[in-house]
């Protein structure tokens, strides 16, 4: 084997490993999103679709997601394997892949949040909202992190610019 052939084999192996890592990441990402989702729609399934996830093992035939729903007293289910998810792709707000039977499947994930009247904050969202706000503040004013000086006028301007819509909604 000459040096050029050896180099090509090494390159092919690295590309194969990178593709495998990318496929594994796609599977893990979908599972993580499903674990955070409040609602899922599979193809044209109704809003009461349920789902279960299993451990990712790195095996293409491993069944990692099972969706189930009823429509007019008939039960339906769709099972996804790691291989099917790995071969899928995100388009717009949906994930398209093949299910365990090889059928094309569209999955749309939704986050549900409590609805509350203006001026109220849903208790569930408070920790996440505070963390997000703290991160935004720290990015805009790094001096907060090391007890440095922060100009009060600049802080007020930032709050009005970044949180103006939220503050206006609270005033209503």
N, C-alpha and C. Protein backbone atom coordinates (compact mmCIF):
# COMPACT_ATOMS: atom_id res chain seq x y z
N UNK A 1 0.86 -1.17 0.00
CA UNK A 1 0.00 0.00 0.00
C UNK A 1 0.90 1.23 0.00
N UNK A 2 0.60 2.14 -0.89
CA UNK A 2 1.43 3.34 -0.93
C UNK A 2 0.90 4.39 0.04
N UNK A 3 1.66 5.45 0.18
CA UNK A 3 1.34 6.49 1.16
C UNK A 3 0.01 7.17 0.85
N UNK A 4 -0.29 7.37 -0.44
CA UNK A 4 -1.53 8.03 -0.84
C UNK A 4 -2.75 7.18 -0.47
N UNK A 5 -2.67 5.87 -0.70
CA UNK A 5 -3.77 4.97 -0.34
C UNK A 5 -3.96 4.95 1.17
N UNK A 6 -2.85 4.90 1.91
CA UNK A 6 -2.92 4.92 3.37
C UNK A 6 -3.59 6.19 3.86
N UNK A 7 -3.24 7.32 3.28
CA UNK A 7 -3.83 8.61 3.65
C UNK A 7 -5.34 8.61 3.37
N UNK A 8 -5.74 8.05 2.22
CA UNK A 8 -7.16 8.00 1.87
C UNK A 8 -7.94 7.13 2.86
N UNK A 9 -7.38 6.00 3.23
CA UNK A 9 -8.05 5.12 4.20
C UNK A 9 -8.21 5.83 5.53
N UNK A 10 -7.16 6.51 5.99
CA UNK A 10 -7.24 7.25 7.25
C UNK A 10 -8.29 8.35 7.18
N UNK A 11 -8.33 9.05 6.05
CA UNK A 11 -9.33 10.11 5.88
C UNK A 11 -10.74 9.53 5.90
N UNK A 12 -10.94 8.42 5.18
CA UNK A 12 -12.26 7.76 5.16
C UNK A 12 -12.69 7.33 6.56
N UNK A 13 -11.75 6.81 7.33
CA UNK A 13 -12.07 6.37 8.70
C UNK A 13 -12.47 7.57 9.55
N UNK A 14 -11.70 8.67 9.45
CA UNK A 14 -12.04 9.87 10.23
C UNK A 14 -13.40 10.42 9.84
N UNK A 15 -13.69 10.45 8.53
CA UNK A 15 -14.98 10.94 8.08
C UNK A 15 -16.11 10.04 8.55
N UNK A 16 -15.88 8.74 8.52
CA UNK A 16 -16.87 7.79 9.01
C UNK A 16 -17.14 7.97 10.49
N UNK A 17 -16.08 8.19 11.27
CA UNK A 17 -16.25 8.42 12.71
C UNK A 17 -16.98 9.72 12.97
N UNK A 18 -16.67 10.76 12.18
CA UNK A 18 -17.34 12.06 12.34
C UNK A 18 -18.82 11.92 12.01
N UNK A 19 -19.14 11.17 10.95
CA UNK A 19 -20.54 10.95 10.58
C UNK A 19 -21.27 10.18 11.66
N UNK A 20 -20.59 9.19 12.24
CA UNK A 20 -21.18 8.40 13.32
C UNK A 20 -21.44 9.28 14.54
N UNK A 21 -20.49 10.15 14.88
CA UNK A 21 -20.67 11.07 16.00
C UNK A 21 -21.84 12.01 15.74
N UNK A 22 -21.95 12.49 14.51
CA UNK A 22 -23.05 13.40 14.14
C UNK A 22 -24.39 12.68 14.25
N UNK A 23 -24.45 11.45 13.79
CA UNK A 23 -25.69 10.66 13.86
C UNK A 23 -26.07 10.42 15.31
N UNK A 24 -25.09 10.07 16.14
CA UNK A 24 -25.35 9.84 17.57
C UNK A 24 -25.88 11.13 18.21
N UNK A 25 -25.27 12.26 17.87
CA UNK A 25 -25.71 13.55 18.42
C UNK A 25 -27.14 13.86 18.00
N UNK A 26 -27.52 13.51 16.78
CA UNK A 26 -28.88 13.75 16.30
C UNK A 26 -29.88 12.94 17.14
N UNK A 27 -29.54 11.70 17.45
CA UNK A 27 -30.41 10.83 18.26
C UNK A 27 -30.53 11.42 19.66
N UNK A 28 -29.42 11.74 20.28
CA UNK A 28 -29.42 12.27 21.64
C UNK A 28 -30.20 13.58 21.70
N UNK A 29 -30.01 14.44 20.72
CA UNK A 29 -30.72 15.73 20.69
C UNK A 29 -32.22 15.53 20.64
N UNK A 30 -32.69 14.63 19.76
CA UNK A 30 -34.14 14.40 19.67
C UNK A 30 -34.68 13.86 20.99
N UNK A 31 -33.97 12.92 21.62
CA UNK A 31 -34.42 12.36 22.89
C UNK A 31 -34.48 13.46 23.95
N UNK A 32 -33.47 14.32 24.01
CA UNK A 32 -33.46 15.42 24.98
C UNK A 32 -34.63 16.36 24.74
N UNK A 33 -34.90 16.68 23.49
CA UNK A 33 -36.04 17.55 23.18
C UNK A 33 -37.36 16.89 23.55
N UNK A 34 -37.49 15.60 23.29
CA UNK A 34 -38.71 14.89 23.68
C UNK A 34 -38.90 14.91 25.19
N UNK A 35 -37.81 14.79 25.92
CA UNK A 35 -37.91 14.81 27.38
C UNK A 35 -38.31 16.19 27.91
N UNK A 36 -38.12 17.23 27.12
CA UNK A 36 -38.51 18.58 27.51
C UNK A 36 -39.86 19.00 26.93
N UNK A 37 -40.33 18.28 25.92
CA UNK A 37 -41.55 18.67 25.21
C UNK A 37 -42.78 18.52 26.10
N UNK A 38 -43.74 19.39 25.88
CA UNK A 38 -45.01 19.30 26.58
C UNK A 38 -46.06 18.62 25.73
N UNK A 39 -45.84 18.62 24.41
CA UNK A 39 -46.79 18.03 23.48
C UNK A 39 -46.04 17.61 22.24
N UNK A 40 -46.48 16.52 21.63
CA UNK A 40 -45.86 16.00 20.42
C UNK A 40 -46.95 15.65 19.42
N UNK A 41 -46.67 15.94 18.17
CA UNK A 41 -47.57 15.51 17.10
C UNK A 41 -46.76 14.66 16.13
N UNK A 42 -47.26 13.47 15.84
CA UNK A 42 -46.63 12.56 14.89
C UNK A 42 -47.52 12.50 13.66
N UNK A 43 -46.99 12.92 12.53
CA UNK A 43 -47.78 13.04 11.31
C UNK A 43 -49.03 13.86 11.64
N UNK A 44 -50.22 13.26 11.57
CA UNK A 44 -51.45 13.99 11.87
C UNK A 44 -52.11 13.50 13.15
N UNK A 45 -51.31 13.03 14.09
CA UNK A 45 -51.87 12.51 15.35
C UNK A 45 -52.54 13.63 16.13
N UNK A 46 -53.48 13.29 17.02
CA UNK A 46 -54.15 14.30 17.84
C UNK A 46 -53.22 14.83 18.94
N UNK A 47 -53.69 15.85 19.62
CA UNK A 47 -52.88 16.52 20.64
C UNK A 47 -52.58 15.65 21.86
N UNK A 48 -53.33 14.58 22.05
CA UNK A 48 -53.11 13.75 23.24
C UNK A 48 -52.13 12.59 23.00
N UNK A 49 -51.24 12.75 22.04
CA UNK A 49 -50.23 11.73 21.76
C UNK A 49 -49.31 11.58 22.97
N UNK A 50 -49.06 10.34 23.36
CA UNK A 50 -48.12 10.08 24.46
C UNK A 50 -46.84 9.51 23.87
N UNK A 51 -45.77 9.54 24.65
CA UNK A 51 -44.51 9.00 24.17
C UNK A 51 -43.66 8.51 25.32
N UNK A 52 -42.82 7.57 25.00
CA UNK A 52 -41.85 7.03 25.94
C UNK A 52 -40.50 6.99 25.24
N UNK A 53 -39.45 7.23 26.00
CA UNK A 53 -38.10 7.15 25.43
C UNK A 53 -37.31 6.08 26.17
N UNK A 54 -36.31 5.55 25.48
CA UNK A 54 -35.44 4.53 26.06
C UNK A 54 -33.99 5.02 25.95
N UNK A 55 -33.10 4.28 26.55
CA UNK A 55 -31.68 4.63 26.57
C UNK A 55 -31.06 4.48 25.19
N UNK A 56 -30.27 5.49 24.81
CA UNK A 56 -29.53 5.45 23.55
C UNK A 56 -28.32 4.54 23.77
N UNK A 57 -28.16 3.55 22.88
CA UNK A 57 -27.08 2.57 23.02
C UNK A 57 -26.08 2.61 21.88
N UNK A 58 -26.37 3.39 20.84
CA UNK A 58 -25.47 3.44 19.70
C UNK A 58 -25.69 2.31 18.71
N UNK A 59 -26.83 1.63 18.79
CA UNK A 59 -27.15 0.52 17.88
C UNK A 59 -28.29 0.97 16.96
N UNK A 60 -28.11 0.93 15.65
CA UNK A 60 -29.13 1.41 14.72
C UNK A 60 -30.52 0.79 14.92
N UNK A 61 -30.60 -0.47 15.31
CA UNK A 61 -31.90 -1.13 15.49
C UNK A 61 -32.54 -0.90 16.84
N UNK A 62 -31.83 -0.21 17.74
CA UNK A 62 -32.36 0.03 19.08
C UNK A 62 -33.58 0.94 19.02
N UNK A 63 -34.70 0.46 19.55
CA UNK A 63 -35.94 1.25 19.58
C UNK A 63 -35.88 2.21 20.76
N UNK A 64 -35.81 3.50 20.45
CA UNK A 64 -35.61 4.50 21.51
C UNK A 64 -36.82 5.39 21.77
N UNK A 65 -37.79 5.40 20.88
CA UNK A 65 -38.98 6.23 21.08
C UNK A 65 -40.21 5.46 20.63
N UNK A 66 -41.26 5.55 21.45
CA UNK A 66 -42.56 4.96 21.07
C UNK A 66 -43.63 6.01 21.32
N UNK A 67 -44.36 6.35 20.26
CA UNK A 67 -45.48 7.28 20.34
C UNK A 67 -46.77 6.46 20.29
N UNK A 68 -47.80 6.90 21.00
CA UNK A 68 -49.09 6.20 20.97
C UNK A 68 -50.22 7.22 21.06
N UNK A 69 -51.33 6.91 20.39
CA UNK A 69 -52.52 7.75 20.45
C UNK A 69 -53.73 6.95 19.99
N UNK A 70 -54.90 7.49 20.28
CA UNK A 70 -56.16 6.89 19.84
C UNK A 70 -56.88 7.88 18.97
N UNK A 71 -57.57 7.33 17.97
CA UNK A 71 -58.37 8.18 17.09
C UNK A 71 -59.61 7.38 16.72
N UNK A 72 -60.77 7.88 17.11
CA UNK A 72 -62.04 7.17 16.86
C UNK A 72 -61.98 5.74 17.40
N UNK A 73 -61.51 5.60 18.62
CA UNK A 73 -61.45 4.33 19.33
C UNK A 73 -60.47 3.32 18.73
N UNK A 74 -59.59 3.76 17.87
CA UNK A 74 -58.56 2.89 17.30
C UNK A 74 -57.20 3.35 17.84
N UNK A 75 -56.41 2.41 18.31
CA UNK A 75 -55.09 2.73 18.83
C UNK A 75 -54.03 2.73 17.74
N UNK A 76 -53.13 3.68 17.80
CA UNK A 76 -52.05 3.79 16.84
C UNK A 76 -50.74 3.96 17.59
N UNK A 77 -49.66 3.54 16.96
CA UNK A 77 -48.35 3.78 17.55
C UNK A 77 -47.30 3.88 16.45
N UNK A 78 -46.24 4.58 16.78
CA UNK A 78 -45.09 4.70 15.89
C UNK A 78 -43.86 4.50 16.75
N UNK A 79 -42.94 3.69 16.27
CA UNK A 79 -41.70 3.42 16.99
C UNK A 79 -40.54 3.95 16.16
N UNK A 80 -39.61 4.61 16.82
CA UNK A 80 -38.41 5.10 16.15
C UNK A 80 -37.18 4.37 16.66
N UNK A 81 -36.29 4.06 15.75
CA UNK A 81 -35.02 3.44 16.12
C UNK A 81 -33.91 4.49 16.03
N UNK A 82 -32.78 4.16 16.62
CA UNK A 82 -31.64 5.06 16.53
C UNK A 82 -31.24 5.28 15.07
N UNK A 83 -31.27 4.22 14.28
CA UNK A 83 -30.91 4.35 12.86
C UNK A 83 -31.85 5.25 12.10
N UNK A 84 -33.15 5.13 12.38
CA UNK A 84 -34.13 5.99 11.71
C UNK A 84 -33.95 7.45 12.08
N UNK A 85 -33.71 7.71 13.35
CA UNK A 85 -33.49 9.09 13.80
C UNK A 85 -32.18 9.63 13.21
N UNK A 86 -31.13 8.80 13.24
CA UNK A 86 -29.83 9.23 12.72
C UNK A 86 -29.91 9.64 11.26
N UNK A 87 -30.81 9.00 10.51
CA UNK A 87 -30.96 9.33 9.10
C UNK A 87 -31.94 10.46 8.84
N UNK A 88 -32.53 11.01 9.89
CA UNK A 88 -33.53 12.06 9.73
C UNK A 88 -32.92 13.44 9.67
N UNK A 89 -33.79 14.42 9.50
CA UNK A 89 -33.33 15.81 9.47
C UNK A 89 -34.43 16.76 9.90
N UNK A 90 -34.00 17.89 10.42
CA UNK A 90 -34.93 18.95 10.80
C UNK A 90 -35.22 19.81 9.58
N UNK A 91 -36.49 20.06 9.35
CA UNK A 91 -36.92 20.97 8.30
C UNK A 91 -38.02 21.84 8.90
N UNK A 92 -37.75 23.12 8.94
CA UNK A 92 -38.71 24.02 9.59
C UNK A 92 -38.83 23.64 11.05
N UNK A 93 -40.04 23.51 11.53
CA UNK A 93 -40.28 23.18 12.93
C UNK A 93 -40.53 21.71 13.18
N UNK A 94 -40.18 20.85 12.24
CA UNK A 94 -40.45 19.42 12.40
C UNK A 94 -39.21 18.59 12.09
N UNK A 95 -39.22 17.38 12.64
CA UNK A 95 -38.16 16.41 12.38
C UNK A 95 -38.74 15.33 11.48
N UNK A 96 -38.05 15.03 10.39
CA UNK A 96 -38.51 14.03 9.43
C UNK A 96 -37.54 12.86 9.45
N UNK A 97 -38.07 11.65 9.60
CA UNK A 97 -37.24 10.45 9.61
C UNK A 97 -38.10 9.26 9.23
N UNK A 98 -37.46 8.09 9.18
CA UNK A 98 -38.19 6.84 8.95
C UNK A 98 -38.46 6.19 10.29
N UNK A 99 -39.67 5.63 10.44
CA UNK A 99 -39.96 4.89 11.66
C UNK A 99 -39.36 3.49 11.56
N UNK A 100 -39.60 2.66 12.56
CA UNK A 100 -39.01 1.32 12.62
C UNK A 100 -39.47 0.43 11.46
N UNK A 101 -40.60 0.77 10.84
CA UNK A 101 -41.11 -0.01 9.71
C UNK A 101 -40.68 0.57 8.37
N UNK A 102 -39.93 1.66 8.39
CA UNK A 102 -39.45 2.27 7.16
C UNK A 102 -40.38 3.32 6.58
N UNK A 103 -41.46 3.66 7.28
CA UNK A 103 -42.40 4.67 6.78
C UNK A 103 -41.88 6.07 7.13
N UNK A 104 -42.06 7.01 6.20
CA UNK A 104 -41.68 8.40 6.46
C UNK A 104 -42.56 8.96 7.57
N UNK A 105 -41.93 9.64 8.51
CA UNK A 105 -42.64 10.14 9.69
C UNK A 105 -42.23 11.59 9.96
N UNK A 106 -43.21 12.40 10.29
CA UNK A 106 -42.97 13.80 10.67
C UNK A 106 -43.30 13.96 12.14
N UNK A 107 -42.35 14.52 12.89
CA UNK A 107 -42.54 14.72 14.32
C UNK A 107 -42.40 16.20 14.62
N UNK A 108 -43.39 16.75 15.29
CA UNK A 108 -43.35 18.16 15.70
C UNK A 108 -43.43 18.20 17.22
N UNK A 109 -42.50 18.90 17.82
CA UNK A 109 -42.43 19.01 19.28
C UNK A 109 -42.87 20.40 19.71
N UNK A 110 -43.61 20.44 20.80
CA UNK A 110 -44.11 21.71 21.29
C UNK A 110 -43.81 21.85 22.77
N UNK A 111 -43.49 23.05 23.15
CA UNK A 111 -43.28 23.35 24.56
C UNK A 111 -44.57 23.99 25.05
N UNK A 112 -45.11 23.50 26.12
CA UNK A 112 -46.32 24.09 26.67
C UNK A 112 -45.94 24.91 27.90
N UNK A 113 -46.54 26.06 27.99
CA UNK A 113 -46.29 26.93 29.14
C UNK A 113 -47.64 27.33 29.71
N UNK A 114 -47.69 27.54 31.01
CA UNK A 114 -48.95 27.96 31.62
C UNK A 114 -49.36 29.34 31.12
N UNK A 115 -50.63 29.52 30.92
CA UNK A 115 -51.16 30.83 30.56
C UNK A 115 -51.64 31.52 31.83
N UNK A 116 -51.21 32.75 32.00
CA UNK A 116 -51.60 33.53 33.18
C UNK A 116 -52.00 34.91 32.72
N UNK A 117 -52.82 35.62 33.51
CA UNK A 117 -53.22 36.97 33.11
C UNK A 117 -52.01 37.91 33.12
N UNK A 118 -52.11 39.02 32.38
CA UNK A 118 -51.02 40.00 32.38
C UNK A 118 -50.68 40.44 33.80
N UNK A 119 -49.41 40.61 34.06
CA UNK A 119 -48.97 41.05 35.39
C UNK A 119 -48.65 39.91 36.32
N UNK A 120 -48.92 38.68 35.92
CA UNK A 120 -48.62 37.51 36.74
C UNK A 120 -47.54 36.67 36.05
N UNK A 121 -46.78 35.97 36.85
CA UNK A 121 -45.75 35.10 36.32
C UNK A 121 -46.07 33.68 36.76
N UNK A 122 -46.02 32.76 35.82
CA UNK A 122 -46.27 31.36 36.16
C UNK A 122 -45.12 30.85 37.02
N UNK A 123 -45.43 30.26 38.16
CA UNK A 123 -44.40 29.80 39.10
C UNK A 123 -43.36 28.91 38.44
N UNK A 124 -43.78 28.04 37.53
CA UNK A 124 -42.86 27.11 36.90
C UNK A 124 -41.78 27.81 36.09
N UNK A 125 -42.10 28.96 35.54
CA UNK A 125 -41.18 29.67 34.66
C UNK A 125 -40.22 30.58 35.42
N UNK A 126 -40.49 30.87 36.69
CA UNK A 126 -39.69 31.85 37.42
C UNK A 126 -38.21 31.49 37.48
N UNK A 127 -37.80 30.29 37.91
CA UNK A 127 -36.36 30.00 37.96
C UNK A 127 -35.67 30.12 36.60
N UNK A 128 -36.30 29.60 35.55
CA UNK A 128 -35.71 29.67 34.22
C UNK A 128 -35.63 31.12 33.76
N UNK A 129 -36.66 31.91 34.01
CA UNK A 129 -36.65 33.30 33.60
C UNK A 129 -35.58 34.09 34.35
N UNK A 130 -35.43 33.82 35.64
CA UNK A 130 -34.40 34.51 36.41
C UNK A 130 -33.01 34.16 35.93
N UNK A 131 -32.78 32.89 35.64
CA UNK A 131 -31.47 32.46 35.14
C UNK A 131 -31.17 33.11 33.80
N UNK A 132 -32.15 33.14 32.92
CA UNK A 132 -31.96 33.76 31.61
C UNK A 132 -31.69 35.25 31.75
N UNK A 133 -32.42 35.91 32.62
CA UNK A 133 -32.20 37.34 32.83
C UNK A 133 -30.82 37.61 33.42
N UNK A 134 -30.41 36.78 34.38
CA UNK A 134 -29.08 36.95 34.97
C UNK A 134 -28.00 36.77 33.92
N UNK A 135 -28.17 35.81 33.03
CA UNK A 135 -27.17 35.59 31.97
C UNK A 135 -27.11 36.78 31.03
N UNK A 136 -28.27 37.34 30.68
CA UNK A 136 -28.30 38.51 29.80
C UNK A 136 -27.66 39.71 30.47
N UNK A 137 -27.94 39.90 31.75
CA UNK A 137 -27.33 41.01 32.50
C UNK A 137 -25.82 40.85 32.59
N UNK A 138 -25.37 39.66 32.88
CA UNK A 138 -23.92 39.41 33.00
C UNK A 138 -23.22 39.65 31.67
N UNK A 139 -23.87 39.29 30.57
CA UNK A 139 -23.26 39.51 29.26
C UNK A 139 -23.17 41.00 28.93
N UNK A 140 -24.20 41.74 29.31
CA UNK A 140 -24.21 43.18 29.02
C UNK A 140 -23.36 43.98 30.00
N UNK A 141 -23.26 43.50 31.24
CA UNK A 141 -22.53 44.21 32.28
C UNK A 141 -21.62 43.23 33.02
N UNK A 142 -20.48 42.87 32.43
CA UNK A 142 -19.59 41.90 33.06
C UNK A 142 -19.11 42.33 34.45
N UNK A 143 -19.15 43.62 34.73
CA UNK A 143 -18.70 44.11 36.04
C UNK A 143 -19.55 43.54 37.18
N UNK A 144 -20.80 43.14 36.88
CA UNK A 144 -21.64 42.52 37.90
C UNK A 144 -20.99 41.26 38.48
N UNK A 145 -20.26 40.54 37.63
CA UNK A 145 -19.68 39.26 38.04
C UNK A 145 -18.50 39.42 38.97
N UNK A 146 -17.79 40.55 38.87
CA UNK A 146 -16.61 40.74 39.73
C UNK A 146 -16.76 41.94 40.66
N UNK A 147 -18.02 42.26 40.99
CA UNK A 147 -18.33 43.37 41.90
C UNK A 147 -17.72 44.68 41.45
N UNK A 148 -17.60 44.89 40.15
CA UNK A 148 -17.09 46.15 39.60
C UNK A 148 -18.18 47.19 39.56
N UNK A 149 -17.81 48.37 39.14
CA UNK A 149 -18.76 49.50 39.05
C UNK A 149 -19.62 49.36 37.80
N UNK A 150 -20.90 49.65 37.96
CA UNK A 150 -21.84 49.64 36.85
C UNK A 150 -22.55 50.99 36.86
N UNK A 151 -22.57 51.64 35.71
CA UNK A 151 -23.21 52.94 35.57
C UNK A 151 -24.72 52.75 35.64
N UNK A 152 -25.36 53.42 36.59
CA UNK A 152 -26.79 53.28 36.80
C UNK A 152 -27.61 53.69 35.59
N UNK A 153 -27.20 54.79 34.92
CA UNK A 153 -27.94 55.25 33.74
C UNK A 153 -27.85 54.22 32.62
N UNK A 154 -26.67 53.62 32.45
CA UNK A 154 -26.51 52.58 31.42
C UNK A 154 -27.40 51.38 31.74
N UNK A 155 -27.47 51.03 33.00
CA UNK A 155 -28.30 49.89 33.42
C UNK A 155 -29.77 50.17 33.14
N UNK A 156 -30.24 51.37 33.46
CA UNK A 156 -31.63 51.74 33.20
C UNK A 156 -31.91 51.71 31.70
N UNK A 157 -31.00 52.25 30.91
CA UNK A 157 -31.17 52.22 29.45
C UNK A 157 -31.26 50.79 28.94
N UNK A 158 -30.39 49.90 29.44
CA UNK A 158 -30.39 48.50 29.03
C UNK A 158 -31.71 47.84 29.39
N UNK A 159 -32.17 48.08 30.61
CA UNK A 159 -33.45 47.48 31.05
C UNK A 159 -34.58 47.93 30.15
N UNK A 160 -34.64 49.23 29.84
CA UNK A 160 -35.71 49.73 28.97
C UNK A 160 -35.62 49.15 27.57
N UNK A 161 -34.39 49.01 27.06
CA UNK A 161 -34.21 48.48 25.72
C UNK A 161 -34.49 46.98 25.66
N UNK A 162 -33.95 46.22 26.61
CA UNK A 162 -34.05 44.77 26.58
C UNK A 162 -35.36 44.23 27.14
N UNK A 163 -35.93 44.93 28.09
CA UNK A 163 -37.12 44.43 28.77
C UNK A 163 -38.33 45.33 28.60
N UNK A 164 -38.25 46.26 27.66
CA UNK A 164 -39.33 47.22 27.46
C UNK A 164 -40.68 46.57 27.23
N UNK A 165 -40.72 45.54 26.36
CA UNK A 165 -41.99 44.88 26.06
C UNK A 165 -42.56 44.19 27.29
N UNK A 166 -41.68 43.52 28.06
CA UNK A 166 -42.12 42.83 29.27
C UNK A 166 -42.66 43.82 30.30
N UNK A 167 -41.96 44.94 30.45
CA UNK A 167 -42.39 45.95 31.41
C UNK A 167 -43.73 46.57 30.97
N UNK A 168 -43.88 46.81 29.69
CA UNK A 168 -45.14 47.37 29.18
C UNK A 168 -46.30 46.41 29.44
N UNK A 169 -46.06 45.11 29.28
CA UNK A 169 -47.11 44.13 29.53
C UNK A 169 -47.52 44.11 31.00
N UNK A 170 -46.57 44.34 31.89
CA UNK A 170 -46.88 44.37 33.32
C UNK A 170 -47.71 45.60 33.68
N UNK A 171 -47.54 46.68 32.94
CA UNK A 171 -48.26 47.93 33.24
C UNK A 171 -49.73 47.87 32.81
N UNK A 172 -50.05 46.96 31.92
CA UNK A 172 -51.44 46.89 31.40
C UNK A 172 -52.40 46.42 32.43
